[in-house]
């Protein structure tokens, strides 16, 4: 009894190494390569969902950047303001000493000490006032970087929406 190798007992048996696969079946490597070669295009809904997720993430990051810029701006303004307060207090002390020295000048040489102290305090107060005013004018509280990035993000989102949205063509007129 002769056994036909092409028909007998081949069901459920894997082909031997180097043997050709049955007709009509693609080899597993070819099927995997074909699946990898055909990129799956996401649907419009998936694209819009991804766009919305990206937009919300970008918005959160822009808010955090704006908050950080505001904090930095307020901190520098607070430092400049404290210099102005110190200058005001020292200026008042200087004025007090100048007035005391003017009062002492009427009576004799006891005026020289308070006049020197009052003049020195007034000079220090003037310098601190100039430095504080310059720093206060240089400090900005507006979130400029966040504003610029937000405009850039809005422009990019508009471009992405235009790319995702299907183009509508006017209906063709039949003649």
Protein backbone atom coordinates (compact mmCIF):
# COMPACT_ATOMS: atom_id res chain seq x y z
CA UNK A 1 0.00 0.00 0.00
CA UNK A 2 1.47 3.24 -1.16
CA UNK A 3 0.87 6.48 0.74
CA UNK A 4 0.40 9.67 -1.22
CA UNK A 5 2.43 12.30 0.69
CA UNK A 6 0.36 15.17 -0.72
CA UNK A 7 -2.98 14.02 0.69
CA UNK A 8 -2.60 11.55 3.50
CA UNK A 9 -2.27 12.74 7.10
CA UNK A 10 -1.33 16.34 6.38
CA UNK A 11 -4.25 17.96 8.14
CA UNK A 12 -3.12 19.80 11.28
CA UNK A 13 0.54 19.01 10.64
CA UNK A 14 2.99 21.86 10.18
CA UNK A 15 5.02 21.72 6.99
CA UNK A 16 8.65 20.69 7.34
CA UNK A 17 11.37 23.31 7.32
CA UNK A 18 12.09 24.62 3.89
CA UNK A 19 8.82 23.24 2.57
CA UNK A 20 6.59 25.59 0.65
CA UNK A 21 3.36 26.68 2.36
CA UNK A 22 0.08 25.33 1.00
CA UNK A 23 -1.30 27.09 -2.03
CA UNK A 24 -3.27 30.28 -1.35
CA UNK A 25 -1.66 30.88 2.09
CA UNK A 26 0.93 33.63 2.53
CA UNK A 27 3.98 32.89 4.67
CA UNK A 28 3.76 34.41 8.18
CA UNK A 29 6.70 36.75 7.57
CA UNK A 30 5.09 38.13 4.43
CA UNK A 31 1.78 38.72 6.23
CA UNK A 32 3.54 40.61 9.04
CA UNK A 33 5.52 42.69 6.56
CA UNK A 34 2.37 43.46 4.58
CA UNK A 35 0.54 44.56 7.74
CA UNK A 36 3.46 46.78 8.72
CA UNK A 37 3.68 48.27 5.23
CA UNK A 38 0.03 49.35 5.28
CA UNK A 39 -0.20 52.11 7.90
CA UNK A 40 -3.60 52.34 9.51
CA UNK A 41 -5.06 55.73 8.92
CA UNK A 42 -6.82 57.10 11.99
CA UNK A 43 -10.42 58.08 11.59
CA UNK A 44 -11.55 61.70 11.65
CA UNK A 45 -12.99 61.19 15.12
CA UNK A 46 -9.67 59.87 16.41
CA UNK A 47 -7.84 62.81 14.84
CA UNK A 48 -10.23 65.31 16.43
CA UNK A 49 -9.97 63.57 19.82
CA UNK A 50 -6.17 63.71 19.59
CA UNK A 51 -6.36 67.35 18.60
CA UNK A 52 -8.61 68.15 21.57
CA UNK A 53 -6.29 66.28 23.94
CA UNK A 54 -3.26 68.14 22.59
CA UNK A 55 -5.07 71.46 22.83
CA UNK A 56 -6.05 70.89 26.47
CA UNK A 57 -2.49 69.85 27.36
CA UNK A 58 -1.07 72.92 25.63
CA UNK A 59 -3.61 75.16 27.37
CA UNK A 60 -2.66 73.75 30.78
CA UNK A 61 1.02 74.32 30.04
CA UNK A 62 0.35 77.89 28.90
CA UNK A 63 -1.55 78.60 32.14
CA UNK A 64 1.34 77.23 34.19
CA UNK A 65 3.81 79.38 32.25
CA UNK A 66 1.65 82.48 32.75
CA UNK A 67 1.40 81.75 36.48
CA UNK A 68 5.19 81.37 36.73
CA UNK A 69 5.78 84.64 34.84
CA UNK A 70 3.30 86.47 37.07
CA UNK A 71 5.03 85.12 40.18
CA UNK A 72 8.46 86.19 38.94
CA UNK A 73 7.19 89.64 37.98
CA UNK A 74 5.44 90.16 41.31
CA UNK A 75 8.53 89.06 43.25
CA UNK A 76 10.77 91.58 41.49
CA UNK A 77 8.14 94.29 41.97
CA UNK A 78 7.94 93.45 45.68
CA UNK A 79 11.72 93.75 46.06
CA UNK A 80 11.71 97.13 44.29
CA UNK A 81 8.79 98.28 46.42
CA UNK A 82 10.58 97.31 49.62
CA UNK A 83 13.56 99.43 48.56
CA UNK A 84 11.20 102.36 48.11
CA UNK A 85 9.74 101.81 51.59
CA UNK A 86 13.21 101.73 53.17
CA UNK A 87 14.11 104.88 51.26
CA UNK A 88 10.99 106.61 52.57
CA UNK A 89 11.68 105.63 56.17
CA UNK A 90 15.32 106.77 55.97
CA UNK A 91 14.21 109.98 54.26
CA UNK A 92 11.89 110.72 57.18
CA UNK A 93 14.70 110.07 59.64
CA UNK A 94 16.99 112.32 57.60
CA UNK A 95 14.39 115.08 57.60
CA UNK A 96 14.07 114.71 61.36
CA UNK A 97 17.81 115.04 61.85
CA UNK A 98 17.99 118.02 59.50
CA UNK A 99 15.24 119.74 61.42
CA UNK A 100 16.94 118.93 64.74
CA UNK A 101 20.24 120.29 63.44
CA UNK A 102 18.57 123.45 62.17
CA UNK A 103 17.05 123.92 65.61
CA UNK A 104 20.43 123.29 67.27
CA UNK A 105 22.18 125.64 64.82
CA UNK A 106 20.40 128.57 66.32
CA UNK A 107 22.07 127.87 69.71
CA UNK A 108 25.68 127.23 68.68
CA UNK A 109 28.11 124.50 67.57
CA UNK A 110 25.95 121.56 68.75
CA UNK A 111 24.38 121.52 65.26
CA UNK A 112 27.30 119.97 63.41
CA UNK A 113 26.74 116.32 64.49
CA UNK A 114 23.02 116.07 63.68
CA UNK A 115 23.58 117.92 60.39
CA UNK A 116 26.19 115.41 59.19
CA UNK A 117 24.02 112.40 60.20
CA UNK A 118 20.91 113.90 58.63
CA UNK A 119 22.75 114.70 55.38
CA UNK A 120 24.21 111.18 55.18
CA UNK A 121 20.81 109.54 55.74
CA UNK A 122 19.24 111.79 53.15
CA UNK A 123 21.91 110.84 50.57
CA UNK A 124 21.39 107.12 51.26
CA UNK A 125 17.62 107.54 51.00
CA UNK A 126 18.02 109.34 47.67
CA UNK A 127 20.24 106.58 46.25
CA UNK A 128 17.85 103.85 47.40
CA UNK A 129 14.92 105.73 45.91
CA UNK A 130 16.67 105.99 42.53
CA UNK A 131 17.62 102.29 42.49
CA UNK A 132 14.13 101.21 43.57
CA UNK A 133 12.46 103.43 40.98
CA UNK A 134 14.69 102.07 38.19
CA UNK A 135 14.01 98.46 39.18
CA UNK A 136 10.29 99.07 39.51
CA UNK A 137 10.18 100.60 36.03
CA UNK A 138 12.16 97.63 34.61
CA UNK A 139 9.98 94.94 36.17
CA UNK A 140 7.08 93.58 34.15
CA UNK A 141 4.13 91.70 35.51
CA UNK A 142 2.54 90.81 32.17
CA UNK A 143 3.07 87.21 30.98
CA UNK A 144 4.69 88.09 27.63
CA UNK A 145 6.18 84.66 26.86
CA UNK A 146 2.91 82.89 27.65
CA UNK A 147 0.98 85.34 25.47
CA UNK A 148 3.36 84.77 22.52
CA UNK A 149 3.25 80.98 22.90
CA UNK A 150 -0.54 81.03 23.21
CA UNK A 151 -0.82 82.92 19.91
CA UNK A 152 1.54 80.42 18.27
CA UNK A 153 -0.45 77.50 19.67
CA UNK A 154 -3.73 78.97 18.42
CA UNK A 155 -2.26 79.39 14.94
CA UNK A 156 -1.02 75.78 14.91
CA UNK A 157 -4.39 74.48 16.10
CA UNK A 158 -6.18 76.39 13.35
CA UNK A 159 -3.84 74.84 10.78
CA UNK A 160 -4.44 71.34 12.16
CA UNK A 161 -8.20 71.83 12.12
CA UNK A 162 -8.03 72.95 8.50
CA UNK A 163 -5.98 69.86 7.68
CA UNK A 164 -8.39 67.46 9.44
CA UNK A 165 -11.65 69.03 8.28
CA UNK A 166 -12.78 67.56 4.95
CA UNK A 167 -12.87 70.01 2.11
CA UNK A 168 -16.36 70.77 0.92
CA UNK A 169 -16.79 71.25 -2.76
CA UNK A 170 -19.74 73.05 -4.28
CA UNK A 171 -22.17 70.71 -6.02
CA UNK A 172 -21.53 70.31 -9.69
CA UNK A 173 -24.14 71.74 -11.99
CA UNK A 174 -25.53 69.44 -14.56
CA UNK A 175 -25.95 70.95 -17.98
